[in-house]
Protein backbone atom coordinates (compact mmCIF):
# COMPACT_ATOMS: atom_id res chain seq x y z
CA UNK A 1 -11.00 56.09 5.46
CA UNK A 2 -9.87 52.61 4.46
CA UNK A 3 -6.12 52.03 4.23
CA UNK A 4 -4.69 49.55 1.75
CA UNK A 5 -2.85 46.68 3.42
CA UNK A 6 0.90 47.17 3.70
CA UNK A 7 2.89 45.30 1.09
CA UNK A 8 5.81 43.13 2.19
CA UNK A 9 9.40 44.10 1.42
CA UNK A 10 10.89 47.54 0.75
CA UNK A 11 8.27 50.36 0.71
CA UNK A 12 7.77 51.91 -2.71
CA UNK A 13 8.79 55.49 -3.33
CA UNK A 14 11.87 57.67 -3.53
CA UNK A 15 13.06 56.81 -0.01
CA UNK A 16 14.48 53.49 1.10
CA UNK A 17 13.45 51.95 4.43
CA UNK A 18 16.75 53.00 6.05
CA UNK A 19 16.24 56.60 4.94
CA UNK A 20 12.63 56.59 6.15
CA UNK A 21 13.79 55.50 9.60
CA UNK A 22 16.29 58.37 9.59
CA UNK A 23 13.45 60.72 8.63
CA UNK A 24 11.40 59.31 11.51
CA UNK A 25 14.21 60.13 13.95
CA UNK A 26 14.58 63.63 12.50
CA UNK A 27 10.85 64.44 12.76
CA UNK A 28 10.70 63.21 16.35
CA UNK A 29 13.78 65.27 17.27
CA UNK A 30 12.01 68.40 15.99
CA UNK A 31 8.72 67.59 17.72
CA UNK A 32 9.52 66.89 21.38
CA UNK A 33 5.78 66.77 22.26
CA UNK A 34 5.33 63.82 19.92
CA UNK A 35 3.62 62.89 16.65
CA UNK A 36 0.75 60.55 15.80
CA UNK A 37 1.25 57.49 13.60
CA UNK A 38 -0.89 59.19 10.94
CA UNK A 39 1.25 62.36 10.96
CA UNK A 40 4.42 60.32 10.51
CA UNK A 41 2.84 58.07 7.87
CA UNK A 42 1.87 61.12 5.81
CA UNK A 43 5.41 62.54 5.88
CA UNK A 44 7.08 59.22 5.11
CA UNK A 45 4.48 58.17 2.51
CA UNK A 46 3.86 54.78 4.10
CA UNK A 47 0.99 53.17 6.01
CA UNK A 48 0.53 53.65 9.79
CA UNK A 49 1.20 49.91 10.15
CA UNK A 50 4.63 50.41 8.57
CA UNK A 51 5.34 53.37 10.86
CA UNK A 52 4.53 51.19 13.88
CA UNK A 53 7.08 48.63 12.61
CA UNK A 54 9.70 51.38 12.25
CA UNK A 55 9.02 52.61 15.79
CA UNK A 56 9.37 49.07 17.13
CA UNK A 57 12.70 48.69 15.30
CA UNK A 58 14.08 51.95 16.70
CA UNK A 59 12.95 51.12 20.23
CA UNK A 60 14.59 47.67 20.16
CA UNK A 61 17.98 49.05 19.15
CA UNK A 62 19.97 49.52 22.40
CA UNK A 63 22.07 52.28 20.81
CA UNK A 64 19.06 54.23 19.52
CA UNK A 65 16.44 56.42 21.20
CA UNK A 66 13.80 55.06 23.55
CA UNK A 67 10.40 56.01 22.16
CA UNK A 68 7.32 56.27 24.35
CA UNK A 69 3.58 56.77 23.67
CA UNK A 70 1.79 59.79 25.13
CA UNK A 71 -1.96 59.90 25.72
CA UNK A 72 -3.76 62.95 24.30
CA UNK A 73 -6.68 64.79 25.84
CA UNK A 74 -10.16 63.92 24.69
CA UNK A 75 -9.30 60.38 23.74
CA UNK A 76 -7.44 61.34 20.57
CA UNK A 77 -4.79 59.18 18.89
CA UNK A 78 -1.60 58.51 20.82
CA UNK A 79 1.48 60.56 20.12
CA UNK A 80 4.95 59.04 19.96
CA UNK A 81 7.96 60.94 21.21
CA UNK A 82 11.58 60.48 22.23
CA UNK A 83 11.80 59.85 25.97
CA UNK A 84 12.64 63.01 27.88
CA UNK A 85 16.38 63.40 28.43
CA UNK A 86 17.34 61.50 25.27
CA UNK A 87 16.83 64.28 22.73
CA UNK A 88 20.27 65.21 21.33
CA UNK A 89 22.05 67.97 23.22
CA UNK A 90 23.66 70.94 21.53
CA UNK A 91 27.37 70.91 20.78
CA UNK A 92 29.14 74.22 21.16
CA UNK A 93 31.70 75.08 18.47
CA UNK A 94 34.00 78.01 17.92
CA UNK A 95 34.00 79.59 14.46
CA UNK A 96 37.52 78.31 13.74
CA UNK A 97 36.35 74.77 14.54
CA UNK A 98 33.36 75.21 12.22
CA UNK A 99 35.65 76.43 9.40
CA UNK A 100 37.95 73.44 9.88
CA UNK A 101 35.05 70.98 9.53
CA UNK A 102 33.53 72.88 6.60
CA UNK A 103 36.83 72.71 4.72
CA UNK A 104 36.39 68.94 4.33
CA UNK A 105 32.68 68.89 3.46
CA UNK A 106 33.19 68.18 -0.25
CA UNK A 107 34.91 64.92 0.55
CA UNK A 108 31.39 63.50 0.92
CA UNK A 109 30.27 64.50 -2.62
CA UNK A 110 30.34 60.88 -3.92
CA UNK A 111 27.61 60.06 -1.36
CA UNK A 112 25.26 62.75 -2.68
CA UNK A 113 21.69 61.47 -2.78
CA UNK A 114 22.08 58.98 0.07
CA UNK A 115 20.55 59.12 3.54
CA UNK A 116 24.03 59.54 5.02
CA UNK A 117 24.72 62.55 2.79
CA UNK A 118 21.42 64.15 3.80
CA UNK A 119 22.40 63.86 7.46
CA UNK A 120 25.84 65.33 6.70
CA UNK A 121 24.24 68.13 4.70
CA UNK A 122 22.01 69.01 7.64
CA UNK A 123 25.08 69.17 9.88
CA UNK A 124 26.85 71.36 7.30
CA UNK A 125 23.93 73.76 7.38
CA UNK A 126 24.33 74.12 11.15
CA UNK A 127 28.08 74.63 10.76
CA UNK A 128 27.50 77.36 8.19
CA UNK A 129 25.24 79.22 10.61
CA UNK A 130 28.11 79.20 13.13
CA UNK A 131 30.75 80.20 10.58
CA UNK A 132 28.68 83.11 9.24
CA UNK A 133 27.88 84.47 12.67
CA UNK A 134 29.32 87.99 13.11
CA UNK A 135 32.66 87.89 14.93
CA UNK A 136 34.22 90.32 17.35
CA UNK A 137 36.93 92.92 17.15
CA UNK A 138 37.88 95.55 14.53
CA UNK A 139 38.26 92.97 11.72
CA UNK A 140 34.93 91.23 12.35
CA UNK A 141 33.31 90.27 9.06
CA UNK A 142 36.34 91.38 7.02
CA UNK A 143 39.34 89.15 7.72
CA UNK A 144 37.37 85.90 7.40
CA UNK A 145 34.74 86.99 4.88
CA UNK A 146 33.27 83.91 3.13
CA UNK A 147 36.15 81.80 4.40
CA UNK A 148 33.93 78.69 4.17
CA UNK A 149 34.07 79.13 0.37
CA UNK A 150 37.83 79.72 0.22
CA UNK A 151 39.19 76.99 2.50
CA UNK A 152 38.13 73.72 0.88
CA UNK A 153 39.02 70.16 0.02
CA UNK A 154 38.37 69.59 -3.69
CA UNK A 155 37.65 65.97 -4.71
CA UNK A 156 40.10 64.45 -7.18
CA UNK A 157 37.53 63.00 -9.58
CA UNK A 158 34.35 62.13 -7.67
CA UNK A 159 32.33 59.23 -9.03
CA UNK A 160 28.67 59.59 -9.85
CA UNK A 161 26.88 57.16 -7.55
CA UNK A 162 23.44 58.60 -8.31
CA UNK A 163 22.10 55.22 -9.46
CA UNK A 164 23.67 53.37 -6.52
CA UNK A 165 22.05 55.21 -3.62
CA UNK A 166 19.76 52.35 -2.56
CA UNK A 167 22.74 50.00 -2.50
CA UNK A 168 24.76 52.59 -0.57
CA UNK A 169 22.02 53.10 2.03
CA UNK A 170 21.57 49.34 2.51
CA UNK A 171 25.32 48.84 2.80
CA UNK A 172 25.70 51.62 5.36
CA UNK A 173 22.80 50.28 7.43
CA UNK A 174 24.35 46.81 7.49
CA UNK A 175 27.75 48.20 8.52
CA UNK A 176 26.21 50.28 11.30
CA UNK A 177 23.73 47.62 12.52
CA UNK A 178 25.94 44.52 11.91
CA UNK A 179 23.36 42.85 9.67
CA UNK A 180 24.12 40.45 6.78
CA UNK A 181 23.62 41.76 3.24
CA UNK A 182 22.68 39.70 0.17
CA UNK A 183 23.50 41.18 -3.24
CA UNK A 184 24.56 40.51 -6.80
CA UNK A 185 28.22 41.27 -7.39
CA UNK A 186 30.04 41.62 -10.69
CA UNK A 187 33.64 40.47 -10.65
CA UNK A 188 36.25 42.62 -12.39
CA UNK A 189 38.19 39.53 -13.50
CA UNK A 190 37.52 38.18 -16.99
CA UNK A 191 39.52 35.93 -19.25
CA UNK A 192 41.58 37.36 -22.11
CA UNK A 193 39.32 35.52 -24.54
CA UNK A 194 36.21 37.12 -23.07
CA UNK A 195 37.81 40.59 -23.20
CA UNK A 196 38.71 40.04 -26.85
CA UNK A 197 35.14 39.10 -27.69
CA UNK A 198 33.71 42.08 -25.81
CA UNK A 199 36.09 44.49 -27.59
CA UNK A 200 34.64 43.41 -30.95
CA UNK A 201 31.07 44.10 -29.93
CA UNK A 202 29.34 47.47 -30.11
CA UNK A 203 28.38 49.29 -26.93
CA UNK A 204 24.70 48.82 -27.71
CA UNK A 205 25.00 45.10 -28.42
CA UNK A 206 22.54 43.33 -26.13
CA UNK A 207 24.79 40.29 -25.92
CA UNK A 208 27.46 42.37 -24.13
CA UNK A 209 24.92 43.18 -21.43
CA UNK A 210 23.97 39.51 -21.13
CA UNK A 211 27.62 38.46 -20.80
CA UNK A 212 28.16 41.17 -18.18
CA UNK A 213 25.21 39.90 -16.16
CA UNK A 214 26.41 36.31 -16.49
CA UNK A 215 29.67 37.26 -14.77
CA UNK A 216 27.67 38.23 -11.66
CA UNK A 217 27.14 36.04 -8.65
CA UNK A 218 24.65 36.26 -5.82
CA UNK A 219 26.54 36.48 -2.55
CA UNK A 220 25.99 37.16 1.14
CA UNK A 221 28.44 39.31 3.07
CA UNK A 222 28.95 40.54 6.62
CA UNK A 223 29.96 44.16 5.98
CA UNK A 224 32.61 45.11 8.54
CA UNK A 225 33.57 48.57 7.31
CA UNK A 226 33.17 51.13 4.52
CA UNK A 227 36.08 53.14 3.12
CA UNK A 228 36.00 56.26 0.95
CA UNK A 229 39.28 56.20 -0.98
CA UNK A 230 40.07 58.51 -3.90
CA UNK A 231 36.34 59.30 -4.00
CA UNK A 232 35.40 55.63 -4.54
CA UNK A 233 33.41 53.66 -1.96
CA UNK A 234 34.66 50.26 -0.82
CA UNK A 235 33.36 47.67 1.63
CA UNK A 236 35.56 45.30 3.62
CA UNK A 237 33.56 42.32 4.82
CA UNK A 238 33.26 38.57 5.28
CA UNK A 239 32.24 36.66 2.15
CA UNK A 240 29.97 33.93 3.55
CA UNK A 241 30.17 31.57 0.57
CA UNK A 242 33.96 31.78 0.23
CA UNK A 243 34.56 31.94 3.98
CA UNK A 244 37.09 34.78 3.73
CA UNK A 245 37.33 38.53 4.19
CA UNK A 246 37.10 40.38 0.87
CA UNK A 247 37.23 43.95 -0.40
CA UNK A 248 34.24 44.85 -2.58
CA UNK A 249 33.55 48.06 -4.50
CA UNK A 250 30.11 49.70 -4.52
CA UNK A 251 30.19 50.16 -8.31
CA UNK A 252 29.73 46.41 -8.88
CA UNK A 253 26.89 45.86 -6.41
CA UNK A 254 23.18 45.66 -7.24
CA UNK A 255 19.93 44.21 -5.91
CA UNK A 256 20.97 44.50 -2.26
CA UNK A 257 18.72 42.99 0.40
CA UNK A 258 19.17 43.39 4.16
CA UNK A 259 18.65 40.43 6.49
CA UNK A 260 16.70 42.49 9.04
CA UNK A 261 16.13 39.60 11.45
CA UNK A 262 19.77 38.44 11.50
CA UNK A 263 22.92 39.74 13.16
CA UNK A 264 26.63 39.01 12.91
CA UNK A 265 29.50 39.59 15.33
CA UNK A 266 32.33 41.94 14.41
CA UNK A 267 35.66 40.11 15.00
CA UNK A 268 37.50 41.60 17.96
CA UNK A 269 40.79 41.62 16.06
CA UNK A 270 39.40 43.30 12.94
CA UNK A 271 41.30 46.44 11.93
CA UNK A 272 40.69 48.38 8.72
CA UNK A 273 44.36 49.42 8.72
CA UNK A 274 45.30 45.88 7.65
CA UNK A 275 43.44 46.42 4.39
CA UNK A 276 44.57 49.95 3.64
CA UNK A 277 47.73 50.59 1.63
CA UNK A 278 47.89 54.37 1.76
CA UNK A 279 47.77 55.96 -1.68
CA UNK A 280 47.69 52.47 -3.24
CA UNK A 281 44.14 51.80 -2.11
CA UNK A 282 42.20 49.19 -0.18
CA UNK A 283 43.92 45.87 -0.82
CA UNK A 284 45.13 42.90 1.18
CA UNK A 285 47.00 39.69 0.39
CA UNK A 286 48.19 36.76 2.46
CA UNK A 287 51.82 37.34 1.40
CA UNK A 288 53.82 40.58 1.60
CA UNK A 289 56.14 41.68 -1.19
CA UNK A 290 59.07 44.08 -1.16
CA UNK A 291 58.84 46.76 -3.83
CA UNK A 292 61.74 49.01 -4.89
CA UNK A 293 61.23 51.92 -7.30
CA UNK A 294 63.70 54.61 -8.35
CA UNK A 295 62.54 58.14 -9.20
CA UNK A 296 64.31 60.91 -11.07
CA UNK A 297 64.82 64.34 -9.48
CA UNK A 298 61.44 65.71 -10.61
CA UNK A 299 59.55 62.68 -9.36
CA UNK A 300 61.45 62.76 -6.08
CA UNK A 301 60.17 66.27 -5.31
CA UNK A 302 56.63 64.91 -5.30
CA UNK A 303 57.36 61.64 -3.49
CA UNK A 304 59.10 63.44 -0.61
CA UNK A 305 55.93 65.39 0.09
CA UNK A 306 53.66 62.34 0.23
CA UNK A 307 53.20 59.31 2.43
CA UNK A 308 52.67 56.76 -0.31
CA UNK A 309 52.60 53.72 1.98
CA UNK A 310 52.96 53.23 5.76
CA UNK A 311 56.08 51.09 5.26
CA UNK A 312 57.87 53.40 2.82
CA UNK A 313 61.57 54.32 3.09
CA UNK A 314 63.17 56.93 0.84
CA UNK A 315 66.93 56.98 0.18
CA UNK A 316 68.75 59.53 -2.05
CA UNK A 317 70.52 58.26 -5.19
CA UNK A 318 72.99 60.01 -7.54
CA UNK A 319 71.53 62.65 -9.85
CA UNK A 320 69.05 64.09 -7.34
CA UNK A 321 66.69 61.15 -7.45
CA UNK A 322 65.56 58.76 -4.74
CA UNK A 323 64.90 55.06 -4.18
CA UNK A 324 61.55 54.17 -2.63
CA UNK A 325 61.27 50.87 -0.74
CA UNK A 326 58.00 49.55 0.70
CA UNK A 327 56.31 46.26 1.59
CA UNK A 328 52.86 45.81 0.06
CA UNK A 329 50.16 43.16 0.17
CA UNK A 330 49.08 43.29 -3.46
CA UNK A 331 50.89 44.35 -6.65
CA UNK A 332 47.80 45.20 -8.71
CA UNK A 333 47.43 48.82 -7.52
CA UNK A 334 51.21 49.30 -7.69
CA UNK A 335 51.21 48.55 -11.43
CA UNK A 336 48.72 51.34 -12.17
CA UNK A 337 50.49 53.71 -9.81
CA UNK A 338 53.89 53.18 -11.45
CA UNK A 339 52.43 53.73 -14.93
CA UNK A 340 51.15 57.15 -13.85
CA UNK A 341 54.77 58.29 -13.44
CA UNK A 342 55.83 57.52 -16.99
CA UNK A 343 59.58 57.97 -17.46
CA UNK A 344 59.96 59.49 -13.98
CA UNK A 345 59.92 56.05 -12.28
CA UNK A 346 61.71 52.74 -12.81
CA UNK A 347 60.85 49.48 -11.03
CA UNK A 348 63.89 47.71 -9.58
CA UNK A 349 62.12 44.79 -7.89
CA UNK A 350 60.32 42.41 -7.67
CA UNK A 351 60.66 40.79 -11.11
CA UNK A 352 56.90 40.12 -11.28
CA UNK A 353 56.16 43.83 -10.99
CA UNK A 354 58.72 44.64 -13.69
CA UNK A 355 57.10 42.17 -16.09
CA UNK A 356 53.58 43.42 -15.39
CA UNK A 357 54.58 47.04 -16.01
CA UNK A 358 56.37 46.05 -19.24
CA UNK A 359 53.31 44.14 -20.39
CA UNK A 360 51.04 47.13 -19.81
CA UNK A 361 53.43 49.50 -21.62
CA UNK A 362 53.71 47.11 -24.55
CA UNK A 363 49.94 46.85 -24.76
CA UNK A 364 49.59 50.63 -24.75
CA UNK A 365 52.19 51.05 -27.51
CA UNK A 366 50.44 48.42 -29.64
CA UNK A 367 47.49 50.80 -30.02
CA UNK A 368 49.65 53.24 -31.95
CA UNK A 369 51.93 51.01 -34.03
CA UNK A 370 54.78 52.40 -36.09
CA UNK A 371 54.55 55.74 -37.84
CA UNK A 372 54.24 55.38 -41.62
CA UNK A 373 57.03 56.90 -43.74
CA UNK A 374 55.95 59.51 -46.23
């Protein structure tokens, strides 16, 4: 049998390189006596030469398993296995602990189709086997019947990242392995003139696609962390070209490429909390701004039950309402958040926020105009 030479770059097929390496780990975990390169190559749909490269990569990672070759009787091909003592040990869980973890499983729905989601799904399967195990006592199987289906977190409006799974897998690998990532990124900022032109074009107009692509830039980042916020996936990392830490959203990434031979250092003082503004999202700015918003009685009932921002203070005002004060790093998410409240909220300060909210409201009203008299 003659094998075709391995092609450089990402192996072709439904699985990315990162996911194939995860599959390699999983197969070896389930075969403690070892597997031949040809067995693994068949499962992963790659050449034995590529499998050998994967094995070398796993073995060199100090935080991964140590793999060792095992001679077979009769001079057969070597088998590769995880060194004895390094195969993952079992974790004992009570049924109540399994139910608690299962309640949050749908929070990972936006990741569906990725290597990370597959690993989570495997863990969920093991949790379900624990949760559905017959209990003890007179109410066994009755009091908690199908509780895993009745105690759940339901995503707000999960995004469909089906076409972004390769980018997601590459991004996750770079975050976990501290490797640089090169990609094309589309900025959300466009001039008013450009927006006006785009609004006049049809959705199928090829020129709109060309303009969209022209707004992209090829960048290199050091991905420090990933954040799942309101079912959207963000990355906080160092923008090499701009020499600053930026927040990027997965939606605008494409053509990712991992620098497998390079490595970056995670800053010792890096903390994701500096970039997280509670319900207002993943934002950061060099200057802090004081924001004051007054809510009517109905809005206050909701605000009192939520931690909108870590710095928030809530003070009662006449009429049953409340005044919310907080210090934020960026006003952009605050504008959208205030608009969601409609007449239930009124911005008191800063003046910039007042003007931006007024501008958005005026723009919305302009779509409807004045009602014609009959």
